[in-house]
Amino acid sequence: MKIIYPGHTYKAAHLDGDGTTHIQFVQRPPFHTLQEGTTSQELLRVTIDRVKVLEEEIASPLNEQILFHLRQALCLFEARALLRKAEKKEIYPELLPVGSDGHFMLKMS
C-alpha cells in the first residue's frame, strides 16, 4: 500500500502482478476540496461480501469472527455518522420511527 494523500488517496498493491488499485475516499469541505470517492463503510461492505464468498469456496472457522468484527466496525462508523447528524440537528433521534423492540427501525431493502 502506498499513501498518495493521507486519509484520502491510496495505491493498493496487487498480488501475482505489478499493478495497483487506486482507492479514492470522498473529500468534503470545509477541511478539503470536494472530491468524489468512496467511504470506509463501502469498503467494509465489499470486504464482508468477499469473506462470505471465500467462506463458500474454502470454509474456515475464522471467517465467522472476521465477519463479526467487520460488521462491528461498520456499525461503529454508522453510529458515529448518526451522532454527528444529531449534533448538527440534521436529524432528531426522538422523531425517528421505532420498532416493536423500542429501538430505531431500520428499513431493509
PDB file of N, CA and C in Angstrom:
ATOM      1  N   MET A   1       0.847  -1.176   0.000  1.00  0.00           N
ATOM      2  CA  MET A   1       0.000   0.000   0.000  1.00  0.00           C
ATOM      3  C   MET A   1       0.884   1.228   0.000  1.00  0.00           C
ATOM      4  N   LYS A   2       0.519   2.162  -0.854  1.00  0.00           N
ATOM      5  CA  LYS A   2       1.248   3.428  -0.913  1.00  0.00           C
ATOM      6  C   LYS A   2       0.262   4.556  -0.621  1.00  0.00           C
ATOM      7  N   ILE A   3       0.658   5.439   0.288  1.00  0.00           N
ATOM      8  CA  ILE A   3      -0.174   6.586   0.634  1.00  0.00           C
ATOM      9  C   ILE A   3       0.133   7.715  -0.357  1.00  0.00           C
ATOM     10  N   ILE A   4      -0.890   8.145  -1.067  1.00  0.00           N
ATOM     11  CA  ILE A   4      -0.747   9.264  -2.012  1.00  0.00           C
ATOM     12  C   ILE A   4      -1.126  10.567  -1.310  1.00  0.00           C
ATOM     13  N   TYR A   5      -2.285  10.581  -0.676  1.00  0.00           N
ATOM     14  CA  TYR A   5      -2.759  11.724   0.097  1.00  0.00           C
ATOM     15  C   TYR A   5      -3.365  11.164   1.371  1.00  0.00           C
ATOM     16  N   PRO A   6      -2.692  11.323   2.514  1.00  0.00           N
ATOM     17  CA  PRO A   6      -3.097  10.650   3.758  1.00  0.00           C
ATOM     18  C   PRO A   6      -4.593  10.788   4.065  1.00  0.00           C
ATOM     19  N   GLY A   7      -5.185   9.636   4.324  1.00  0.00           N
ATOM     20  CA  GLY A   7      -6.599   9.597   4.672  1.00  0.00           C
ATOM     21  C   GLY A   7      -7.548   9.624   3.493  1.00  0.00           C
ATOM     22  N   HIS A   8      -7.010   9.830   2.273  1.00  0.00           N
ATOM     23  CA  HIS A   8      -7.910  10.001   1.137  1.00  0.00           C
ATOM     24  C   HIS A   8      -7.532   9.236  -0.116  1.00  0.00           C
ATOM     25  N   THR A   9      -6.272   9.170  -0.456  1.00  0.00           N
ATOM     26  CA  THR A   9      -5.879   8.552  -1.724  1.00  0.00           C
ATOM     27  C   THR A   9      -4.761   7.541  -1.490  1.00  0.00           C
ATOM     28  N   TYR A  10      -4.965   6.336  -2.029  1.00  0.00           N
ATOM     29  CA  TYR A  10      -4.023   5.240  -1.825  1.00  0.00           C
ATOM     30  C   TYR A  10      -3.833   4.451  -3.116  1.00  0.00           C
ATOM     31  N   LYS A  11      -2.733   3.757  -3.199  1.00  0.00           N
ATOM     32  CA  LYS A  11      -2.496   2.748  -4.220  1.00  0.00           C
ATOM     33  C   LYS A  11      -2.330   1.430  -3.470  1.00  0.00           C
ATOM     34  N   ALA A  12      -3.206   0.485  -3.718  1.00  0.00           N
ATOM     35  CA  ALA A  12      -3.137  -0.828  -3.085  1.00  0.00           C
ATOM     36  C   ALA A  12      -2.419  -1.775  -4.031  1.00  0.00           C
ATOM     37  N   ALA A  13      -1.402  -2.448  -3.517  1.00  0.00           N
ATOM     38  CA  ALA A  13      -0.599  -3.352  -4.335  1.00  0.00           C
ATOM     39  C   ALA A  13      -1.399  -4.579  -4.747  1.00  0.00           C
ATOM     40  N   HIS A  14      -1.153  -5.049  -5.955  1.00  0.00           N
ATOM     41  CA  HIS A  14      -1.749  -6.287  -6.449  1.00  0.00           C
ATOM     42  C   HIS A  14      -0.872  -7.467  -6.067  1.00  0.00           C
ATOM     43  N   LEU A  15      -1.476  -8.623  -5.908  1.00  0.00           N
ATOM     44  CA  LEU A  15      -0.741  -9.878  -5.782  1.00  0.00           C
ATOM     45  C   LEU A  15      -0.649 -10.496  -7.175  1.00  0.00           C
ATOM     46  N   ASP A  16       0.346 -11.294  -7.388  1.00  0.00           N
ATOM     47  CA  ASP A  16       0.510 -12.004  -8.663  1.00  0.00           C
ATOM     48  C   ASP A  16       0.630 -11.049  -9.842  1.00  0.00           C
ATOM     49  N   GLY A  17       1.248  -9.925  -9.611  1.00  0.00           N
ATOM     50  CA  GLY A  17       1.445  -8.955 -10.682  1.00  0.00           C
ATOM     51  C   GLY A  17       2.043  -7.676 -10.141  1.00  0.00           C
ATOM     52  N   ASP A  18       2.297  -6.742 -11.034  1.00  0.00           N
ATOM     53  CA  ASP A  18       2.928  -5.480 -10.653  1.00  0.00           C
ATOM     54  C   ASP A  18       1.932  -4.329 -10.520  1.00  0.00           C
ATOM     55  N   GLY A  19       0.671  -4.572 -10.760  1.00  0.00           N
ATOM     56  CA  GLY A  19      -0.304  -3.491 -10.792  1.00  0.00           C
ATOM     57  C   GLY A  19      -0.691  -2.974  -9.418  1.00  0.00           C
ATOM     58  N   THR A  20      -1.469  -1.921  -9.434  1.00  0.00           N
ATOM     59  CA  THR A  20      -2.034  -1.339  -8.220  1.00  0.00           C
ATOM     60  C   THR A  20      -3.491  -0.976  -8.475  1.00  0.00           C
ATOM     61  N   THR A  21      -4.228  -0.856  -7.412  1.00  0.00           N
ATOM     62  CA  THR A  21      -5.602  -0.385  -7.473  1.00  0.00           C
ATOM     63  C   THR A  21      -5.671   0.963  -6.777  1.00  0.00           C
ATOM     64  N   HIS A  22      -6.229   1.932  -7.472  1.00  0.00           N
ATOM     65  CA  HIS A  22      -6.373   3.286  -6.936  1.00  0.00           C
ATOM     66  C   HIS A  22      -7.599   3.315  -6.024  1.00  0.00           C
ATOM     67  N   ILE A  23      -7.418   3.789  -4.803  1.00  0.00           N
ATOM     68  CA  ILE A  23      -8.535   3.955  -3.868  1.00  0.00           C
ATOM     69  C   ILE A  23      -8.643   5.429  -3.521  1.00  0.00           C
ATOM     70  N   GLN A  24      -9.781   6.020  -3.837  1.00  0.00           N
ATOM     71  CA  GLN A  24     -10.034   7.432  -3.569  1.00  0.00           C
ATOM     72  C   GLN A  24     -11.211   7.544  -2.620  1.00  0.00           C
ATOM     73  N   PHE A  25     -10.961   8.082  -1.428  1.00  0.00           N
ATOM     74  CA  PHE A  25     -12.037   8.337  -0.481  1.00  0.00           C
ATOM     75  C   PHE A  25     -12.629   9.706  -0.752  1.00  0.00           C
ATOM     76  N   VAL A  26     -13.893   9.860  -0.436  1.00  0.00           N
ATOM     77  CA  VAL A  26     -14.588  11.126  -0.609  1.00  0.00           C
ATOM     78  C   VAL A  26     -13.893  12.208   0.234  1.00  0.00           C
ATOM     79  N   GLN A  27     -13.868  13.392  -0.296  1.00  0.00           N
ATOM     80  CA  GLN A  27     -13.359  14.564   0.429  1.00  0.00           C
ATOM     81  C   GLN A  27     -14.458  15.619   0.378  1.00  0.00           C
ATOM     82  N   ARG A  28     -14.633  16.303   1.498  1.00  0.00           N
ATOM     83  CA  ARG A  28     -15.683  17.325   1.552  1.00  0.00           C
ATOM     84  C   ARG A  28     -15.184  18.553   2.293  1.00  0.00           C
ATOM     85  N   PRO A  29     -15.684  19.721   1.864  1.00  0.00           N
ATOM     86  CA  PRO A  29     -15.389  20.940   2.614  1.00  0.00           C
ATOM     87  C   PRO A  29     -15.982  20.829   4.014  1.00  0.00           C
ATOM     88  N   PRO A  30     -15.533  21.521   5.006  1.00  0.00           N
ATOM     89  CA  PRO A  30     -14.607  22.644   4.938  1.00  0.00           C
ATOM     90  C   PRO A  30     -13.138  22.242   5.047  1.00  0.00           C
ATOM     91  N   PHE A  31     -12.859  20.963   5.288  1.00  0.00           N
ATOM     92  CA  PHE A  31     -11.468  20.570   5.502  1.00  0.00           C
ATOM     93  C   PHE A  31     -10.722  20.256   4.215  1.00  0.00           C
ATOM     94  N   HIS A  32     -11.466  19.931   3.150  1.00  0.00           N
ATOM     95  CA  HIS A  32     -10.841  19.528   1.891  1.00  0.00           C
ATOM     96  C   HIS A  32     -11.630  20.081   0.721  1.00  0.00           C
ATOM     97  N   THR A  33     -10.989  20.115  -0.421  1.00  0.00           N
ATOM     98  CA  THR A  33     -11.680  20.429  -1.662  1.00  0.00           C
ATOM     99  C   THR A  33     -12.592  19.258  -1.990  1.00  0.00           C
ATOM    100  N   LEU A  34     -13.789  19.533  -2.486  1.00  0.00           N
ATOM    101  CA  LEU A  34     -14.735  18.481  -2.824  1.00  0.00           C
ATOM    102  C   LEU A  34     -14.113  17.505  -3.809  1.00  0.00           C
ATOM    103  N   GLN A  35     -14.131  16.230  -3.459  1.00  0.00           N
ATOM    104  CA  GLN A  35     -13.570  15.180  -4.313  1.00  0.00           C
ATOM    105  C   GLN A  35     -14.467  13.956  -4.198  1.00  0.00           C
ATOM    106  N   GLU A  36     -14.973  13.496  -5.322  1.00  0.00           N
ATOM    107  CA  GLU A  36     -15.762  12.269  -5.349  1.00  0.00           C
ATOM    108  C   GLU A  36     -14.908  11.097  -4.885  1.00  0.00           C
ATOM    109  N   GLY A  37     -15.515  10.167  -4.203  1.00  0.00           N
ATOM    110  CA  GLY A  37     -14.792   8.981  -3.778  1.00  0.00           C
ATOM    111  C   GLY A  37     -15.671   8.066  -2.954  1.00  0.00           C
ATOM    112  N   THR A  38     -15.075   7.025  -2.426  1.00  0.00           N
ATOM    113  CA  THR A  38     -15.807   6.036  -1.640  1.00  0.00           C
ATOM    114  C   THR A  38     -15.656   6.329  -0.154  1.00  0.00           C
ATOM    115  N   THR A  39     -16.243   5.482   0.673  1.00  0.00           N
ATOM    116  CA  THR A  39     -16.158   5.622   2.128  1.00  0.00           C
ATOM    117  C   THR A  39     -15.573   4.349   2.730  1.00  0.00           C
ATOM    118  N   SER A  40     -15.130   4.459   3.953  1.00  0.00           N
ATOM    119  CA  SER A  40     -14.661   3.271   4.679  1.00  0.00           C
ATOM    120  C   SER A  40     -15.791   2.261   4.805  1.00  0.00           C
ATOM    121  N   GLN A  41     -17.004   2.744   5.026  1.00  0.00           N
ATOM    122  CA  GLN A  41     -18.151   1.853   5.154  1.00  0.00           C
ATOM    123  C   GLN A  41     -18.354   1.032   3.885  1.00  0.00           C
ATOM    124  N   GLU A  42     -18.205   1.667   2.748  1.00  0.00           N
ATOM    125  CA  GLU A  42     -18.406   0.952   1.486  1.00  0.00           C
ATOM    126  C   GLU A  42     -17.336  -0.120   1.291  1.00  0.00           C
ATOM    127  N   LEU A  43     -16.098   0.198   1.661  1.00  0.00           N
ATOM    128  CA  LEU A  43     -15.035  -0.805   1.552  1.00  0.00           C
ATOM    129  C   LEU A  43     -15.245  -1.943   2.548  1.00  0.00           C
ATOM    130  N   LEU A  44     -15.802  -1.657   3.710  1.00  0.00           N
ATOM    131  CA  LEU A  44     -16.148  -2.727   4.644  1.00  0.00           C
ATOM    132  C   LEU A  44     -17.232  -3.627   4.058  1.00  0.00           C
ATOM    133  N   ARG A  45     -18.225  -3.029   3.390  1.00  0.00           N
ATOM    134  CA  ARG A  45     -19.272  -3.835   2.744  1.00  0.00           C
ATOM    135  C   ARG A  45     -18.677  -4.741   1.663  1.00  0.00           C
ATOM    136  N   VAL A  46     -17.744  -4.205   0.899  1.00  0.00           N
ATOM    137  CA  VAL A  46     -17.050  -5.007  -0.121  1.00  0.00           C
ATOM    138  C   VAL A  46     -16.315  -6.164   0.543  1.00  0.00           C
ATOM    139  N   THR A  47     -15.601  -5.876   1.629  1.00  0.00           N
ATOM    140  CA  THR A  47     -14.817  -6.900   2.313  1.00  0.00           C
ATOM    141  C   THR A  47     -15.722  -7.958   2.940  1.00  0.00           C
ATOM    142  N   ILE A  48     -16.848  -7.542   3.498  1.00  0.00           N
ATOM    143  CA  ILE A  48     -17.810  -8.502   4.059  1.00  0.00           C
ATOM    144  C   ILE A  48     -18.292  -9.456   2.976  1.00  0.00           C
ATOM    145  N   ASP A  49     -18.653  -8.917   1.828  1.00  0.00           N
ATOM    146  CA  ASP A  49     -19.102  -9.766   0.731  1.00  0.00           C
ATOM    147  C   ASP A  49     -17.998 -10.732   0.303  1.00  0.00           C
ATOM    148  N   ARG A  50     -16.774 -10.247   0.216  1.00  0.00           N
ATOM    149  CA  ARG A  50     -15.654 -11.095  -0.192  1.00  0.00           C
ATOM    150  C   ARG A  50     -15.433 -12.242   0.792  1.00  0.00           C
ATOM    151  N   VAL A  51     -15.502 -11.965   2.080  1.00  0.00           N
ATOM    152  CA  VAL A  51     -15.316 -13.018   3.085  1.00  0.00           C
ATOM    153  C   VAL A  51     -16.417 -14.068   2.957  1.00  0.00           C
ATOM    154  N   LYS A  52     -17.654 -13.625   2.709  1.00  0.00           N
ATOM    155  CA  LYS A  52     -18.751 -14.575   2.534  1.00  0.00           C
ATOM    156  C   LYS A  52     -18.510 -15.481   1.331  1.00  0.00           C
ATOM    157  N   VAL A  53     -18.014 -14.923   0.242  1.00  0.00           N
ATOM    158  CA  VAL A  53     -17.704 -15.719  -0.956  1.00  0.00           C
ATOM    159  C   VAL A  53     -16.546 -16.671  -0.667  1.00  0.00           C
ATOM    160  N   LEU A  54     -15.505 -16.179  -0.014  1.00  0.00           N
ATOM    161  CA  LEU A  54     -14.363 -17.036   0.324  1.00  0.00           C
ATOM    162  C   LEU A  54     -14.786 -18.186   1.234  1.00  0.00           C
ATOM    163  N   GLU A  55     -15.722 -17.928   2.147  1.00  0.00           N
ATOM    164  CA  GLU A  55     -16.230 -18.976   3.040  1.00  0.00           C
ATOM    165  C   GLU A  55     -16.908 -20.084   2.235  1.00  0.00           C
ATOM    166  N   GLU A  56     -17.634 -19.688   1.180  1.00  0.00           N
ATOM    167  CA  GLU A  56     -18.280 -20.688   0.319  1.00  0.00           C
ATOM    168  C   GLU A  56     -17.247 -21.508  -0.448  1.00  0.00           C
ATOM    169  N   GLU A  57     -16.124 -20.891  -0.797  1.00  0.00           N
ATOM    170  CA  GLU A  57     -15.082 -21.593  -1.563  1.00  0.00           C
ATOM    171  C   GLU A  57     -14.250 -22.508  -0.667  1.00  0.00           C
ATOM    172  N   ILE A  58     -13.725 -21.966   0.419  1.00  0.00           N
ATOM    173  CA  ILE A  58     -12.932 -22.737   1.376  1.00  0.00           C
ATOM    174  C   ILE A  58     -13.323 -22.274   2.773  1.00  0.00           C
ATOM    175  N   ALA A  59     -14.111 -23.095   3.437  1.00  0.00           N
ATOM    176  CA  ALA A  59     -14.610 -22.727   4.763  1.00  0.00           C
ATOM    177  C   ALA A  59     -13.469 -22.623   5.775  1.00  0.00           C
ATOM    178  N   SER A  60     -13.632 -21.675   6.700  1.00  0.00           N
ATOM    179  CA  SER A  60     -12.684 -21.507   7.796  1.00  0.00           C
ATOM    180  C   SER A  60     -13.457 -21.063   9.029  1.00  0.00           C
ATOM    181  N   PRO A  61     -13.157 -21.634  10.178  1.00  0.00           N
ATOM    182  CA  PRO A  61     -13.835 -21.186  11.397  1.00  0.00           C
ATOM    183  C   PRO A  61     -13.523 -19.734  11.733  1.00  0.00           C
ATOM    184  N   LEU A  62     -12.450 -19.192  11.184  1.00  0.00           N
ATOM    185  CA  LEU A  62     -12.091 -17.794  11.453  1.00  0.00           C
ATOM    186  C   LEU A  62     -12.992 -16.809  10.710  1.00  0.00           C
ATOM    187  N   ASN A  63     -13.618 -17.246   9.619  1.00  0.00           N
ATOM    188  CA  ASN A  63     -14.455 -16.332   8.841  1.00  0.00           C
ATOM    189  C   ASN A  63     -15.611 -15.771   9.662  1.00  0.00           C
ATOM    190  N   GLU A  64     -16.169 -16.563  10.564  1.00  0.00           N
ATOM    191  CA  GLU A  64     -17.261 -16.077  11.412  1.00  0.00           C
ATOM    192  C   GLU A  64     -16.784 -14.913  12.286  1.00  0.00           C
ATOM    193  N   GLN A  65     -15.593 -15.042  12.842  1.00  0.00           N
ATOM    194  CA  GLN A  65     -15.034 -13.965  13.663  1.00  0.00           C
ATOM    195  C   GLN A  65     -14.700 -12.738  12.814  1.00  0.00           C
ATOM    196  N   ILE A  66     -14.144 -12.986  11.632  1.00  0.00           N
ATOM    197  CA  ILE A  66     -13.818 -11.880  10.726  1.00  0.00           C
ATOM    198  C   ILE A  66     -15.077 -11.105  10.376  1.00  0.00           C
ATOM    199  N   LEU A  67     -16.135 -11.806  10.007  1.00  0.00           N
ATOM    200  CA  LEU A  67     -17.398 -11.143   9.660  1.00  0.00           C
ATOM    201  C   LEU A  67     -17.959 -10.377  10.849  1.00  0.00           C
ATOM    202  N   PHE A  68     -17.884 -10.964  12.039  1.00  0.00           N
ATOM    203  CA  PHE A  68     -18.373 -10.288  13.241  1.00  0.00           C
ATOM    204  C   PHE A  68     -17.668  -8.944  13.421  1.00  0.00           C
ATOM    205  N   HIS A  69     -16.352  -8.944  13.318  1.00  0.00           N
ATOM    206  CA  HIS A  69     -15.591  -7.720  13.570  1.00  0.00           C
ATOM    207  C   HIS A  69     -15.737  -6.703  12.437  1.00  0.00           C
ATOM    208  N   LEU A  70     -15.826  -7.174  11.210  1.00  0.00           N
ATOM    209  CA  LEU A  70     -16.082  -6.244  10.100  1.00  0.00           C
ATOM    210  C   LEU A  70     -17.440  -5.570  10.269  1.00  0.00           C
ATOM    211  N   ARG A  71     -18.431  -6.342  10.671  1.00  0.00           N
ATOM    212  CA  ARG A  71     -19.772  -5.780  10.890  1.00  0.00           C
ATOM    213  C   ARG A  71     -19.780  -4.821  12.071  1.00  0.00           C
ATOM    214  N   GLN A  72     -19.029  -5.142  13.115  1.00  0.00           N
ATOM    215  CA  GLN A  72     -18.918  -4.232  14.257  1.00  0.00           C
ATOM    216  C   GLN A  72     -18.293  -2.910  13.819  1.00  0.00           C
ATOM    217  N   ALA A  73     -17.239  -2.981  13.012  1.00  0.00           N
ATOM    218  CA  ALA A  73     -16.587  -1.764  12.513  1.00  0.00           C
ATOM    219  C   ALA A  73     -17.573  -0.940  11.685  1.00  0.00           C
ATOM    220  N   LEU A  74     -18.336  -1.612  10.832  1.00  0.00           N
ATOM    221  CA  LEU A  74     -19.333  -0.919  10.017  1.00  0.00           C
ATOM    222  C   LEU A  74     -20.372  -0.231  10.906  1.00  0.00           C
ATOM    223  N   CYS A  75     -20.845  -0.920  11.934  1.00  0.00           N
ATOM    224  CA  CYS A  75     -21.813  -0.322  12.857  1.00  0.00           C
ATOM    225  C   CYS A  75     -21.224   0.887  13.578  1.00  0.00           C
ATOM    226  N   LEU A  76     -19.957   0.803  13.960  1.00  0.00           N
ATOM    227  CA  LEU A  76     -19.322   1.934  14.654  1.00  0.00           C
ATOM    228  C   LEU A  76     -19.198   3.153  13.738  1.00  0.00           C
ATOM    229  N   PHE A  77     -18.826   2.944  12.481  1.00  0.00           N
ATOM    230  CA  PHE A  77     -18.780   4.063  11.533  1.00  0.00           C
ATOM    231  C   PHE A  77     -20.154   4.700  11.386  1.00  0.00           C
ATOM    232  N   GLU A  78     -21.196   3.861  11.262  1.00  0.00           N
ATOM    233  CA  GLU A  78     -22.541   4.384  11.075  1.00  0.00           C
ATOM    234  C   GLU A  78     -23.065   5.052  12.343  1.00  0.00           C
ATOM    235  N   ALA A  79     -22.704   4.525  13.508  1.00  0.00           N
ATOM    236  CA  ALA A  79     -23.104   5.165  14.770  1.00  0.00           C
ATOM    237  C   ALA A  79     -22.469   6.551  14.874  1.00  0.00           C
ATOM    238  N   ARG A  80     -21.197   6.648  14.486  1.00  0.00           N
ATOM    239  CA  ARG A  80     -20.522   7.947  14.501  1.00  0.00           C
ATOM    240  C   ARG A  80     -21.237   8.935  13.586  1.00  0.00           C
ATOM    241  N   ALA A  81     -21.622   8.480  12.397  1.00  0.00           N
ATOM    242  CA  ALA A  81     -22.330   9.351  11.457  1.00  0.00           C
ATOM    243  C   ALA A  81     -23.681   9.787  12.012  1.00  0.00           C
ATOM    244  N   LEU A  82     -24.390   8.871  12.648  1.00  0.00           N
ATOM    245  CA  LEU A  82     -25.689   9.195  13.237  1.00  0.00           C
ATOM    246  C   LEU A  82     -25.548  10.241  14.332  1.00  0.00           C
ATOM    247  N   LEU A  83     -24.542  10.077  15.187  1.00  0.00           N
ATOM    248  CA  LEU A  83     -24.310  11.058  16.250  1.00  0.00           C
ATOM    249  C   LEU A  83     -23.958  12.427  15.687  1.00  0.00           C
ATOM    250  N   ARG A  84     -23.143  12.465  14.642  1.00  0.00           N
ATOM    251  CA  ARG A  84     -22.784  13.752  14.036  1.00  0.00           C
ATOM    252  C   ARG A  84     -24.006  14.436  13.435  1.00  0.00           C
ATOM    253  N   LYS A  85     -24.892  13.652  12.814  1.00  0.00           N
ATOM    254  CA  LYS A  85     -26.113  14.231  12.247  1.00  0.00           C
ATOM    255  C   LYS A  85     -27.004  14.801  13.350  1.00  0.00           C
ATOM    256  N   ALA A  86     -27.059  14.126  14.488  1.00  0.00           N
ATOM    257  CA  ALA A  86     -27.847  14.631  15.612  1.00  0.00           C
ATOM    258  C   ALA A  86     -27.225  15.901  16.175  1.00  0.00           C
ATOM    259  N   GLU A  87     -25.892  15.923  16.288  1.00  0.00           N
ATOM    260  CA  GLU A  87     -25.204  17.117  16.795  1.00  0.00           C
ATOM    261  C   GLU A  87     -25.458  18.329  15.903  1.00  0.00           C
ATOM    262  N   LYS A  88     -25.521  18.105  14.589  1.00  0.00           N
ATOM    263  CA  LYS A  88     -25.748  19.202  13.634  1.00  0.00           C
ATOM    264  C   LYS A  88     -27.232  19.495  13.439  1.00  0.00           C
ATOM    265  N   LYS A  89     -28.078  18.786  14.205  1.00  0.00           N
ATOM    266  CA  LYS A  89     -29.536  18.949  14.123  1.00  0.00           C
ATOM    267  C   LYS A  89     -30.077  18.652  12.718  1.00  0.00           C
ATOM    268  N   GLU A  90     -29.412  17.719  12.036  1.00  0.00           N
ATOM    269  CA  GLU A  90     -29.905  17.247  10.743  1.00  0.00           C
ATOM    270  C   GLU A  90     -30.971  16.181  10.949  1.00  0.00           C
ATOM    271  N   ILE A  91     -30.903  15.513  12.089  1.00  0.00           N
ATOM    272  CA  ILE A  91     -31.935  14.548  12.484  1.00  0.00           C
ATOM    273  C   ILE A  91     -32.242  14.764  13.960  1.00  0.00           C
ATOM    274  N   TYR A  92     -33.425  14.364  14.332  1.00  0.00           N
ATOM    275  CA  TYR A  92     -33.832  14.406  15.731  1.00  0.00           C
ATOM    276  C   TYR A  92     -34.162  12.965  16.130  1.00  0.00           C
ATOM    277  N   PRO A  93     -33.276  12.323  16.885  1.00  0.00           N
ATOM    278  CA  PRO A  93     -33.468  10.911  17.201  1.00  0.00           C
ATOM    279  C   PRO A  93     -34.818  10.595  17.832  1.00  0.00           C
ATOM    280  N   GLU A  94     -35.345  11.536  18.598  1.00  0.00           N
ATOM    281  CA  GLU A  94     -36.636  11.289  19.252  1.00  0.00           C
ATOM    282  C   GLU A  94     -37.789  11.207  18.253  1.00  0.00           C
ATOM    283  N   LEU A  95     -37.551  11.681  17.022  1.00  0.00           N
ATOM    284  CA  LEU A  95     -38.597  11.652  15.996  1.00  0.00           C
ATOM    285  C   LEU A  95     -38.453  10.464  15.047  1.00  0.00           C
ATOM    286  N   LEU A  96     -37.384   9.702  15.168  1.00  0.00           N
ATOM    287  CA  LEU A  96     -37.178   8.549  14.290  1.00  0.00           C
ATOM    288  C   LEU A  96     -38.148   7.433  14.667  1.00  0.00           C
ATOM    289  N   PRO A  97     -38.634   6.702  13.661  1.00  0.00           N
ATOM    290  CA  PRO A  97     -39.562   5.605  13.971  1.00  0.00           C
ATOM    291  C   PRO A  97     -38.857   4.491  14.743  1.00  0.00           C
ATOM    292  N   VAL A  98     -39.617   3.865  15.628  1.00  0.00           N
ATOM    293  CA  VAL A  98     -39.075   2.743  16.402  1.00  0.00           C
ATOM    294  C   VAL A  98     -39.898   1.493  16.117  1.00  0.00           C
ATOM    295  N   GLY A  99     -39.229   0.359  16.215  1.00  0.00           N
ATOM    296  CA  GLY A  99     -39.884  -0.923  16.002  1.00  0.00           C
ATOM    297  C   GLY A  99     -40.509  -1.442  17.275  1.00  0.00           C
ATOM    298  N   SER A 100     -41.023  -2.634  17.208  1.00  0.00           N
ATOM    299  CA  SER A 100     -41.691  -3.238  18.362  1.00  0.00           C
ATOM    300  C   SER A 100     -40.723  -3.512  19.513  1.00  0.00           C
ATOM    301  N   ASP A 101     -39.405  -3.507  19.211  1.00  0.00           N
ATOM    302  CA  ASP A 101     -38.414  -3.703  20.274  1.00  0.00           C
ATOM    303  C   ASP A 101     -38.031  -2.397  20.963  1.00  0.00           C
ATOM    304  N   GLY A 102     -38.612  -1.259  20.488  1.00  0.00           N
ATOM    305  CA  GLY A 102     -38.353   0.034  21.096  1.00  0.00           C
ATOM    306  C   GLY A 102     -37.122   0.738  20.570  1.00  0.00           C
ATOM    307  N   HIS A 103     -36.449   0.166  19.566  1.00  0.00           N
ATOM    308  CA  HIS A 103     -35.243   0.753  19.004  1.00  0.00           C
ATOM    309  C   HIS A 103     -35.523   1.284  17.604  1.00  0.00           C
ATOM    310  N   PHE A 104     -34.612   2.154  17.121  1.00  0.00           N
ATOM    311  CA  PHE A 104     -34.770   2.704  15.777  1.00  0.00           C
ATOM    312  C   PHE A 104     -35.121   1.605  14.791  1.00  0.00           C
ATOM    313  N   MET A 105     -36.055   1.913  13.925  1.00  0.00           N
ATOM    314  CA  MET A 105     -36.465   0.972  12.901  1.00  0.00           C
ATOM    315  C   MET A 105     -35.557   1.165  11.687  1.00  0.00           C
ATOM    316  N   LEU A 106     -34.992   0.108  11.220  1.00  0.00           N
ATOM    317  CA  LEU A 106     -34.132   0.152  10.046  1.00  0.00           C
ATOM    318  C   LEU A 106     -34.865  -0.493   8.898  1.00  0.00           C
ATOM    319  N   LYS A 107     -34.920   0.215   7.780  1.00  0.00           N
ATOM    320  CA  LYS A 107     -35.589  -0.307   6.589  1.00  0.00           C
ATOM    321  C   LYS A 107     -34.630  -1.231   5.851  1.00  0.00           C
ATOM    322  N   MET A 108     -35.034  -2.436   5.619  1.00  0.00           N
ATOM    323  CA  MET A 108     -34.221  -3.389   4.860  1.00  0.00           C
ATOM    324  C   MET A 108     -34.667  -3.330   3.416  1.00  0.00           C
ATOM    325  N   SER A 109     -33.692  -3.144   2.508  1.00  0.00           N
ATOM    326  CA  SER A 109     -34.079  -3.078   1.092  1.00  0.00           C
ATOM    327  C   SER A 109     -33.651  -4.317   0.357  1.00  0.00           C
TER     328      SER A 109
END
